[in-house]
Each structure stands twice: as C-alpha cells, then as structure tokens.
PDB file of N, CA and C in Angstrom:
ATOM      1  N   UNK A   1     197.676  32.986  15.200  1.00  0.00           N
ATOM      2  CA  UNK A   1     196.816  33.706  15.732  1.00  0.00           C
ATOM      3  C   UNK A   1     195.771  32.534  16.694  1.00  0.00           C
ATOM      4  N   UNK A   2     195.620  32.692  17.916  1.00  0.00           N
ATOM      5  CA  UNK A   2     194.581  31.827  18.436  1.00  0.00           C
ATOM      6  C   UNK A   2     193.606  32.592  18.837  1.00  0.00           C
ATOM      7  N   UNK A   3     192.454  31.602  18.580  1.00  0.00           N
ATOM      8  CA  UNK A   3     191.023  32.223  19.132  1.00  0.00           C
ATOM      9  C   UNK A   3     190.786  32.548  20.324  1.00  0.00           C
ATOM     10  N   UNK A   4     190.125  33.500  20.259  1.00  0.00           N
ATOM     11  CA  UNK A   4     189.952  34.219  21.872  1.00  0.00           C
ATOM     12  C   UNK A   4     188.265  34.403  22.079  1.00  0.00           C
ATOM     13  N   UNK A   5     187.784  33.742  23.195  1.00  0.00           N
ATOM     14  CA  UNK A   5     186.428  34.181  23.480  1.00  0.00           C
ATOM     15  C   UNK A   5     186.272  34.820  24.733  1.00  0.00           C
ATOM     16  N   UNK A   6     184.640  35.788  23.960  1.00  0.00           N
ATOM     17  CA  UNK A   6     184.752  36.392  25.333  1.00  0.00           C
ATOM     18  C   UNK A   6     183.418  36.068  25.864  1.00  0.00           C
ATOM     19  N   UNK A   7     183.285  35.522  27.233  1.00  0.00           N
ATOM     20  CA  UNK A   7     182.119  35.059  27.872  1.00  0.00           C
ATOM     21  C   UNK A   7     181.738  35.935  28.874  1.00  0.00           C
ATOM     22  N   UNK A   8     180.480  36.225  28.779  1.00  0.00           N
ATOM     23  CA  UNK A   8     179.453  36.901  29.710  1.00  0.00           C
ATOM     24  C   UNK A   8     178.398  35.953  30.578  1.00  0.00           C
ATOM     25  N   UNK A   9     178.375  36.230  31.791  1.00  0.00           N
ATOM     26  CA  UNK A   9     177.546  34.835  32.217  1.00  0.00           C
ATOM     27  C   UNK A   9     178.308  33.574  32.510  1.00  0.00           C
ATOM     28  N   UNK A  10     179.053  33.648  33.918  1.00  0.00           N
ATOM     29  CA  UNK A  10     180.237  32.802  34.739  1.00  0.00           C
ATOM     30  C   UNK A  10     179.396  31.614  35.229  1.00  0.00           C
ATOM     31  N   UNK A  11     178.225  31.883  35.673  1.00  0.00           N
ATOM     32  CA  UNK A  11     177.550  30.870  36.461  1.00  0.00           C
ATOM     33  C   UNK A  11     177.552  29.518  36.076  1.00  0.00           C
ATOM     34  N   UNK A  12     176.979  28.603  36.802  1.00  0.00           N
ATOM     35  CA  UNK A  12     176.955  27.463  36.436  1.00  0.00           C
ATOM     36  C   UNK A  12     176.877  26.818  34.516  1.00  0.00           C
ATOM     37  N   UNK A  13     175.565  27.357  34.429  1.00  0.00           N
ATOM     38  CA  UNK A  13     175.208  26.793  33.018  1.00  0.00           C
ATOM     39  C   UNK A  13     176.401  27.525  31.953  1.00  0.00           C
ATOM     40  N   UNK A  14     176.384  28.861  32.534  1.00  0.00           N
ATOM     41  CA  UNK A  14     177.454  29.563  31.512  1.00  0.00           C
ATOM     42  C   UNK A  14     178.898  29.337  31.169  1.00  0.00           C
ATOM     43  N   UNK A  15     179.308  28.641  32.521  1.00  0.00           N
ATOM     44  CA  UNK A  15     180.362  27.917  32.390  1.00  0.00           C
ATOM     45  C   UNK A  15     180.677  26.597  31.957  1.00  0.00           C
ATOM     46  N   UNK A  16     179.871  25.635  32.134  1.00  0.00           N
ATOM     47  CA  UNK A  16     179.483  24.760  31.149  1.00  0.00           C
ATOM     48  C   UNK A  16     179.555  24.964  29.665  1.00  0.00           C
ATOM     49  N   UNK A  17     178.901  25.964  29.321  1.00  0.00           N
ATOM     50  CA  UNK A  17     179.289  26.170  27.982  1.00  0.00           C
ATOM     51  C   UNK A  17     180.397  26.567  27.274  1.00  0.00           C
ATOM     52  N   UNK A  18     180.883  27.554  28.073  1.00  0.00           N
ATOM     53  CA  UNK A  18     182.137  28.059  27.785  1.00  0.00           C
ATOM     54  C   UNK A  18     183.127  27.234  27.681  1.00  0.00           C
ATOM     55  N   UNK A  19     183.286  26.503  28.531  1.00  0.00           N
ATOM     56  CA  UNK A  19     184.412  24.999  28.370  1.00  0.00           C
ATOM     57  C   UNK A  19     183.773  24.264  27.523  1.00  0.00           C
ATOM     58  N   UNK A  20     182.816  24.109  27.001  1.00  0.00           N
ATOM     59  CA  UNK A  20     182.389  23.188  25.837  1.00  0.00           C
ATOM     60  C   UNK A  20     182.988  23.848  24.521  1.00  0.00           C
ATOM     61  N   UNK A  21     182.278  25.295  24.671  1.00  0.00           N
ATOM     62  CA  UNK A  21     182.817  25.797  23.249  1.00  0.00           C
ATOM     63  C   UNK A  21     183.850  26.513  22.950  1.00  0.00           C
ATOM     64  N   UNK A  22     184.589  26.586  24.415  1.00  0.00           N
ATOM     65  CA  UNK A  22     185.990  27.160  24.266  1.00  0.00           C
ATOM     66  C   UNK A  22     187.356  26.264  24.567  1.00  0.00           C
ATOM     67  N   UNK A  23     186.702  25.063  24.378  1.00  0.00           N
ATOM     68  CA  UNK A  23     188.001  24.003  24.626  1.00  0.00           C
ATOM     69  C   UNK A  23     188.902  24.526  23.481  1.00  0.00           C
ATOM     70  N   UNK A  24     190.446  24.415  24.163  1.00  0.00           N
ATOM     71  CA  UNK A  24     191.510  24.999  23.447  1.00  0.00           C
ATOM     72  C   UNK A  24     191.663  25.859  22.762  1.00  0.00           C
ATOM     73  N   UNK A  25     190.741  27.390  23.470  1.00  0.00           N
ATOM     74  CA  UNK A  25     190.645  28.451  23.193  1.00  0.00           C
ATOM     75  C   UNK A  25     191.289  29.347  24.339  1.00  0.00           C
ATOM     76  N   UNK A  26     191.638  30.897  24.249  1.00  0.00           N
ATOM     77  CA  UNK A  26     191.723  31.570  25.469  1.00  0.00           C
ATOM     78  C   UNK A  26     190.544  32.101  25.736  1.00  0.00           C
ATOM     79  N   UNK A  27     189.822  32.357  26.556  1.00  0.00           N
ATOM     80  CA  UNK A  27     188.592  32.749  27.441  1.00  0.00           C
ATOM     81  C   UNK A  27     188.603  33.927  28.240  1.00  0.00           C
ATOM     82  N   UNK A  28     188.203  34.771  27.905  1.00  0.00           N
ATOM     83  CA  UNK A  28     187.842  36.079  28.869  1.00  0.00           C
ATOM     84  C   UNK A  28     186.525  36.093  29.614  1.00  0.00           C
ATOM     85  N   UNK A  29     186.249  36.027  30.548  1.00  0.00           N
ATOM     86  CA  UNK A  29     185.492  35.566  31.526  1.00  0.00           C
ATOM     87  C   UNK A  29     184.756  37.176  32.060  1.00  0.00           C
ATOM     88  N   UNK A  30     183.498  37.158  32.297  1.00  0.00           N
ATOM     89  CA  UNK A  30     182.723  38.353  32.751  1.00  0.00           C
ATOM     90  C   UNK A  30     181.455  38.142  33.204  1.00  0.00           C
ATOM     91  N   UNK A  31     181.109  38.754  34.452  1.00  0.00           N
ATOM     92  CA  UNK A  31     179.670  38.001  35.009  1.00  0.00           C
ATOM     93  C   UNK A  31     179.620  39.450  36.298  1.00  0.00           C
ATOM     94  N   UNK A  32     178.241  39.675  36.179  1.00  0.00           N
ATOM     95  CA  UNK A  32     177.814  40.680  37.542  1.00  0.00           C
ATOM     96  C   UNK A  32     178.416  40.300  38.856  1.00  0.00           C
ATOM     97  N   UNK A  33     178.699  38.750  38.819  1.00  0.00           N
ATOM     98  CA  UNK A  33     179.247  38.335  40.282  1.00  0.00           C
ATOM     99  C   UNK A  33     180.556  38.345  40.040  1.00  0.00           C
ATOM    100  N   UNK A  34     181.430  38.971  40.366  1.00  0.00           N
ATOM    101  CA  UNK A  34     183.047  38.959  40.293  1.00  0.00           C
ATOM    102  C   UNK A  34     183.440  37.533  40.726  1.00  0.00           C
ATOM    103  N   UNK A  35     182.658  36.842  42.012  1.00  0.00           N
ATOM    104  CA  UNK A  35     183.102  35.644  42.389  1.00  0.00           C
ATOM    105  C   UNK A  35     182.881  34.642  41.594  1.00  0.00           C
ATOM    106  N   UNK A  36     181.886  34.796  40.349  1.00  0.00           N
ATOM    107  CA  UNK A  36     181.468  33.625  39.927  1.00  0.00           C
ATOM    108  C   UNK A  36     182.872  33.829  38.697  1.00  0.00           C
ATOM    109  N   UNK A  37     183.273  35.222  38.118  1.00  0.00           N
ATOM    110  CA  UNK A  37     183.938  34.987  37.304  1.00  0.00           C
ATOM    111  C   UNK A  37     185.473  34.612  37.609  1.00  0.00           C
ATOM    112  N   UNK A  38     185.777  34.988  39.024  1.00  0.00           N
ATOM    113  CA  UNK A  38     186.708  34.482  39.359  1.00  0.00           C
ATOM    114  C   UNK A  38     187.195  32.787  39.450  1.00  0.00           C
ATOM    115  N   UNK A  39     186.355  32.623  40.084  1.00  0.00           N
ATOM    116  CA  UNK A  39     185.990  30.768  40.190  1.00  0.00           C
ATOM    117  C   UNK A  39     186.026  30.053  38.620  1.00  0.00           C
ATOM    118  N   UNK A  40     185.310  30.377  37.693  1.00  0.00           N
ATOM    119  CA  UNK A  40     185.530  30.054  36.484  1.00  0.00           C
ATOM    120  C   UNK A  40     186.777  30.702  35.534  1.00  0.00           C
ATOM    121  N   UNK A  41     187.445  31.297  35.984  1.00  0.00           N
ATOM    122  CA  UNK A  41     188.909  31.722  35.094  1.00  0.00           C
ATOM    123  C   UNK A  41     189.661  31.001  35.971  1.00  0.00           C
ATOM    124  N   UNK A  42     189.702  30.119  36.828  1.00  0.00           N
ATOM    125  CA  UNK A  42     190.659  29.487  37.580  1.00  0.00           C
ATOM    126  C   UNK A  42     190.144  27.888  37.126  1.00  0.00           C
ATOM    127  N   UNK A  43     189.296  27.647  36.629  1.00  0.00           N
ATOM    128  CA  UNK A  43     188.816  26.230  36.420  1.00  0.00           C
ATOM    129  C   UNK A  43     189.897  25.806  35.187  1.00  0.00           C
ATOM    130  N   UNK A  44     190.324  24.622  35.234  1.00  0.00           N
ATOM    131  CA  UNK A  44     191.310  24.216  34.222  1.00  0.00           C
ATOM    132  C   UNK A  44     190.337  23.663  33.002  1.00  0.00           C
ATOM    133  N   UNK A  45     190.811  23.454  31.943  1.00  0.00           N
ATOM    134  CA  UNK A  45     190.011  22.527  31.024  1.00  0.00           C
ATOM    135  C   UNK A  45     190.733  21.045  30.631  1.00  0.00           C
ATOM    136  N   UNK A  46     190.157  20.094  30.832  1.00  0.00           N
ATOM    137  CA  UNK A  46     191.050  18.753  30.458  1.00  0.00           C
ATOM    138  C   UNK A  46     190.470  18.084  29.201  1.00  0.00           C
TER     139      UNK A  46
END
C-alpha cells in the first residue's frame, strides 16, 4: 500500500510543505485557484 496525502493550499508555501512532507508519496492537490493546483501537480520531486 502506498501512502497518499491530500493537500489543500497549493500556493508557494503550501507547495514547499507538500514537497517536503510528501516526498515519495502520492499527493492529491487542491486549491481555490485552479491554476495553482495545476502548476503544483505538474511539479516533479527530486
């Protein structure tokens, strides 16, 4: 079973926290601004 994180708030701070906390996990992104959510969803984690 994989770990999954549901993350709301895909702005700059939310994106940084999600990348740190969600490293190696599946992340479901949500934000009131759809463009923020789309941009964050396209980011790659290295």
